[in-house]
Amino acid sequence: MMSGPDRDSIGIVSAGMYLPAQILKAEEIANLSGLEEWMILEKIGILEKRMAGPDDHPNQMAVWPLRIIFQNEQSAAVTLTTWR
């Protein structure tokens, strides 16, 4: 019986991610929310938050990293997981 990487291995060959370009810093979040910045940083624990832009549709944000993976790897299978 064969074993080794050609037959019985399972693993992650490649991973990709997309991060929207717009970043809100804790100071900006504090100004928008009416909370003090120290509360955002220390109590809530947010340093910065990525904000989707007008062209950042959720489905498209899932596809962009897949394009990078397919350019770099010859994967046999892909599982795409998204969260709401």
N, C-alpha and C. Protein backbone atom coordinates (compact mmCIF):
# COMPACT_ATOMS: atom_id res chain seq x y z
N MET A 1 0.84 -1.17 0.00
CA MET A 1 0.00 0.00 0.00
C MET A 1 0.89 1.24 0.00
N MET A 2 0.56 2.21 -0.86
CA MET A 2 1.34 3.44 -0.96
C MET A 2 1.03 4.36 0.21
N SER A 3 2.01 5.09 0.62
CA SER A 3 1.79 6.15 1.61
C SER A 3 2.71 7.30 1.24
N GLY A 4 2.60 8.37 1.97
CA GLY A 4 3.44 9.52 1.70
C GLY A 4 2.69 10.61 0.96
N PRO A 5 3.39 11.62 0.50
CA PRO A 5 2.74 12.79 -0.06
C PRO A 5 1.96 12.53 -1.35
N ASP A 6 2.29 11.46 -2.07
CA ASP A 6 1.58 11.20 -3.32
C ASP A 6 0.22 10.55 -3.11
N ARG A 7 -0.03 9.98 -1.97
CA ARG A 7 -1.25 9.20 -1.81
C ARG A 7 -2.12 9.65 -0.63
N ASP A 8 -1.57 9.74 0.54
CA ASP A 8 -2.38 9.89 1.74
C ASP A 8 -2.25 11.23 2.46
N SER A 9 -1.72 12.23 1.82
CA SER A 9 -1.55 13.47 2.57
C SER A 9 -2.71 14.44 2.31
N ILE A 10 -3.05 15.12 3.36
CA ILE A 10 -4.07 16.16 3.32
C ILE A 10 -3.44 17.38 3.96
N GLY A 11 -3.64 18.51 3.35
CA GLY A 11 -3.08 19.71 3.96
C GLY A 11 -3.47 20.95 3.19
N ILE A 12 -3.05 22.06 3.70
CA ILE A 12 -3.29 23.35 3.07
C ILE A 12 -2.08 23.66 2.20
N VAL A 13 -2.32 23.80 0.92
CA VAL A 13 -1.25 24.09 -0.03
C VAL A 13 -1.04 25.59 -0.14
N SER A 14 -2.13 26.33 -0.09
CA SER A 14 -2.05 27.76 -0.28
C SER A 14 -3.24 28.43 0.40
N ALA A 15 -3.09 29.67 0.77
CA ALA A 15 -4.17 30.43 1.36
C ALA A 15 -4.09 31.85 0.82
N GLY A 16 -5.22 32.49 0.76
CA GLY A 16 -5.24 33.87 0.29
C GLY A 16 -6.23 34.67 1.10
N MET A 17 -6.07 35.99 1.07
CA MET A 17 -7.00 36.86 1.78
C MET A 17 -7.06 38.20 1.09
N TYR A 18 -8.14 38.88 1.29
CA TYR A 18 -8.32 40.23 0.77
C TYR A 18 -8.66 41.14 1.92
N LEU A 19 -7.98 42.25 2.02
CA LEU A 19 -8.28 43.25 3.03
C LEU A 19 -8.65 44.55 2.32
N PRO A 20 -9.82 45.11 2.59
CA PRO A 20 -10.18 46.38 1.99
C PRO A 20 -9.14 47.45 2.30
N ALA A 21 -8.98 48.38 1.38
CA ALA A 21 -7.94 49.40 1.51
C ALA A 21 -8.23 50.43 2.60
N GLN A 22 -9.49 50.79 2.78
CA GLN A 22 -9.83 51.84 3.74
C GLN A 22 -9.68 51.33 5.17
N ILE A 23 -8.97 52.09 5.98
CA ILE A 23 -8.74 51.72 7.38
C ILE A 23 -9.22 52.85 8.29
N LEU A 24 -10.04 52.49 9.27
CA LEU A 24 -10.43 53.44 10.30
C LEU A 24 -9.58 53.15 11.54
N LYS A 25 -8.87 54.13 12.01
CA LYS A 25 -8.08 54.00 13.23
C LYS A 25 -8.97 54.21 14.45
N ALA A 26 -8.49 53.81 15.59
CA ALA A 26 -9.26 53.93 16.83
C ALA A 26 -9.72 55.36 17.08
N GLU A 27 -8.89 56.32 16.77
CA GLU A 27 -9.25 57.74 16.97
C GLU A 27 -10.48 58.11 16.12
N GLU A 28 -10.49 57.65 14.87
CA GLU A 28 -11.62 57.94 13.98
C GLU A 28 -12.90 57.24 14.47
N ILE A 29 -12.74 56.00 14.92
CA ILE A 29 -13.89 55.25 15.45
C ILE A 29 -14.46 55.97 16.68
N ALA A 30 -13.57 56.45 17.53
CA ALA A 30 -14.01 57.19 18.72
C ALA A 30 -14.78 58.44 18.32
N ASN A 31 -14.27 59.20 17.35
CA ASN A 31 -14.95 60.42 16.91
C ASN A 31 -16.33 60.12 16.33
N LEU A 32 -16.43 59.04 15.56
CA LEU A 32 -17.71 58.67 14.94
C LEU A 32 -18.71 58.10 15.94
N SER A 33 -18.21 57.44 16.96
CA SER A 33 -19.09 56.76 17.92
C SER A 33 -19.46 57.61 19.13
N GLY A 34 -18.68 58.64 19.39
CA GLY A 34 -18.91 59.44 20.59
C GLY A 34 -18.23 58.89 21.83
N LEU A 35 -17.51 57.77 21.68
CA LEU A 35 -16.77 57.21 22.80
C LEU A 35 -15.37 57.81 22.85
N GLU A 36 -14.74 57.69 23.99
CA GLU A 36 -13.36 58.17 24.10
C GLU A 36 -12.42 57.14 23.47
N GLU A 37 -11.31 57.62 22.92
CA GLU A 37 -10.38 56.73 22.22
C GLU A 37 -9.84 55.63 23.13
N TRP A 38 -9.56 55.95 24.38
CA TRP A 38 -9.01 54.92 25.28
C TRP A 38 -10.00 53.77 25.46
N MET A 39 -11.30 54.08 25.40
CA MET A 39 -12.31 53.02 25.52
C MET A 39 -12.27 52.10 24.31
N ILE A 40 -12.10 52.67 23.12
CA ILE A 40 -12.01 51.88 21.90
C ILE A 40 -10.77 50.99 21.96
N LEU A 41 -9.65 51.56 22.39
CA LEU A 41 -8.39 50.82 22.44
C LEU A 41 -8.35 49.81 23.58
N GLU A 42 -8.66 50.23 24.79
CA GLU A 42 -8.44 49.40 25.97
C GLU A 42 -9.63 48.53 26.36
N LYS A 43 -10.82 49.07 26.29
CA LYS A 43 -12.00 48.31 26.72
C LYS A 43 -12.52 47.39 25.61
N ILE A 44 -12.59 47.93 24.38
CA ILE A 44 -13.12 47.14 23.26
C ILE A 44 -12.00 46.39 22.55
N GLY A 45 -10.79 46.94 22.57
CA GLY A 45 -9.64 46.25 21.98
C GLY A 45 -9.48 46.44 20.48
N ILE A 46 -10.03 47.51 19.94
CA ILE A 46 -9.92 47.75 18.50
C ILE A 46 -8.81 48.77 18.24
N LEU A 47 -7.82 48.37 17.46
CA LEU A 47 -6.77 49.29 17.04
C LEU A 47 -7.15 49.96 15.72
N GLU A 48 -7.71 49.16 14.81
CA GLU A 48 -8.16 49.67 13.53
C GLU A 48 -9.21 48.72 12.96
N LYS A 49 -9.99 49.23 12.02
CA LYS A 49 -11.04 48.44 11.39
C LYS A 49 -10.99 48.67 9.89
N ARG A 50 -11.01 47.59 9.13
CA ARG A 50 -11.05 47.69 7.66
C ARG A 50 -12.48 47.98 7.23
N MET A 51 -12.63 48.87 6.26
CA MET A 51 -13.94 49.27 5.75
C MET A 51 -14.02 48.94 4.27
N ALA A 52 -15.03 48.17 3.91
CA ALA A 52 -15.23 47.84 2.50
C ALA A 52 -15.58 49.10 1.72
N GLY A 53 -15.01 49.21 0.53
CA GLY A 53 -15.27 50.34 -0.34
C GLY A 53 -16.48 50.09 -1.24
N PRO A 54 -16.81 51.04 -2.10
CA PRO A 54 -17.98 50.90 -2.95
C PRO A 54 -17.88 49.74 -3.94
N ASP A 55 -16.69 49.32 -4.30
CA ASP A 55 -16.50 48.22 -5.24
C ASP A 55 -16.23 46.89 -4.54
N ASP A 56 -16.27 46.87 -3.22
CA ASP A 56 -15.96 45.68 -2.44
C ASP A 56 -17.22 44.90 -2.10
N HIS A 57 -17.81 44.25 -3.09
CA HIS A 57 -18.97 43.39 -2.86
C HIS A 57 -18.48 42.12 -2.17
N PRO A 58 -19.23 41.57 -1.20
CA PRO A 58 -18.76 40.39 -0.47
C PRO A 58 -18.33 39.22 -1.37
N ASN A 59 -19.10 38.93 -2.40
CA ASN A 59 -18.70 37.83 -3.29
C ASN A 59 -17.39 38.12 -3.99
N GLN A 60 -17.21 39.35 -4.43
CA GLN A 60 -15.98 39.71 -5.12
C GLN A 60 -14.78 39.64 -4.17
N MET A 61 -14.98 40.03 -2.92
CA MET A 61 -13.89 39.96 -1.95
C MET A 61 -13.48 38.51 -1.69
N ALA A 62 -14.37 37.56 -1.92
CA ALA A 62 -14.03 36.14 -1.79
C ALA A 62 -13.29 35.63 -3.02
N VAL A 63 -13.59 36.20 -4.18
CA VAL A 63 -12.98 35.74 -5.44
C VAL A 63 -11.57 36.27 -5.60
N TRP A 64 -11.30 37.50 -5.22
CA TRP A 64 -9.97 38.10 -5.43
C TRP A 64 -8.83 37.25 -4.86
N PRO A 65 -8.90 36.75 -3.62
CA PRO A 65 -7.79 35.91 -3.14
C PRO A 65 -7.70 34.58 -3.88
N LEU A 66 -8.83 34.05 -4.35
CA LEU A 66 -8.78 32.80 -5.11
C LEU A 66 -7.99 32.96 -6.39
N ARG A 67 -8.13 34.10 -7.03
CA ARG A 67 -7.35 34.35 -8.25
C ARG A 67 -5.85 34.29 -7.97
N ILE A 68 -5.44 34.83 -6.85
CA ILE A 68 -4.02 34.79 -6.48
C ILE A 68 -3.58 33.35 -6.24
N ILE A 69 -4.40 32.60 -5.53
CA ILE A 69 -4.07 31.19 -5.25
C ILE A 69 -3.92 30.42 -6.55
N PHE A 70 -4.88 30.59 -7.47
CA PHE A 70 -4.83 29.83 -8.72
C PHE A 70 -3.64 30.23 -9.59
N GLN A 71 -3.18 31.46 -9.47
CA GLN A 71 -2.00 31.90 -10.22
C GLN A 71 -0.74 31.26 -9.67
N ASN A 72 -0.71 30.98 -8.37
CA ASN A 72 0.50 30.50 -7.71
C ASN A 72 0.54 29.00 -7.50
N GLU A 73 -0.59 28.33 -7.49
CA GLU A 73 -0.64 26.91 -7.15
C GLU A 73 -1.44 26.13 -8.18
N GLN A 74 -1.17 24.86 -8.26
CA GLN A 74 -1.97 23.97 -9.07
C GLN A 74 -2.75 23.06 -8.11
N SER A 75 -3.75 23.64 -7.47
CA SER A 75 -4.51 22.93 -6.45
C SER A 75 -5.49 21.97 -7.08
N ALA A 76 -5.66 20.82 -6.45
CA ALA A 76 -6.62 19.83 -6.92
C ALA A 76 -8.03 20.20 -6.49
N ALA A 77 -8.17 20.86 -5.37
CA ALA A 77 -9.50 21.22 -4.88
C ALA A 77 -9.41 22.52 -4.09
N VAL A 78 -10.51 23.22 -4.06
CA VAL A 78 -10.58 24.47 -3.32
C VAL A 78 -11.88 24.45 -2.52
N THR A 79 -11.78 24.83 -1.26
CA THR A 79 -12.96 25.01 -0.43
C THR A 79 -13.03 26.49 -0.09
N LEU A 80 -14.14 27.10 -0.38
CA LEU A 80 -14.33 28.52 -0.11
C LEU A 80 -15.30 28.66 1.05
N THR A 81 -14.87 29.34 2.09
CA THR A 81 -15.72 29.56 3.26
C THR A 81 -15.85 31.04 3.47
N THR A 82 -17.07 31.52 3.62
CA THR A 82 -17.31 32.91 3.94
C THR A 82 -18.17 32.97 5.18
N TRP A 83 -18.05 34.04 5.92
CA TRP A 83 -18.84 34.26 7.13
C TRP A 83 -19.64 35.53 6.96
N ARG A 84 -20.80 35.55 7.58
CA ARG A 84 -21.60 36.78 7.55
C ARG A 84 -21.32 37.59 8.76
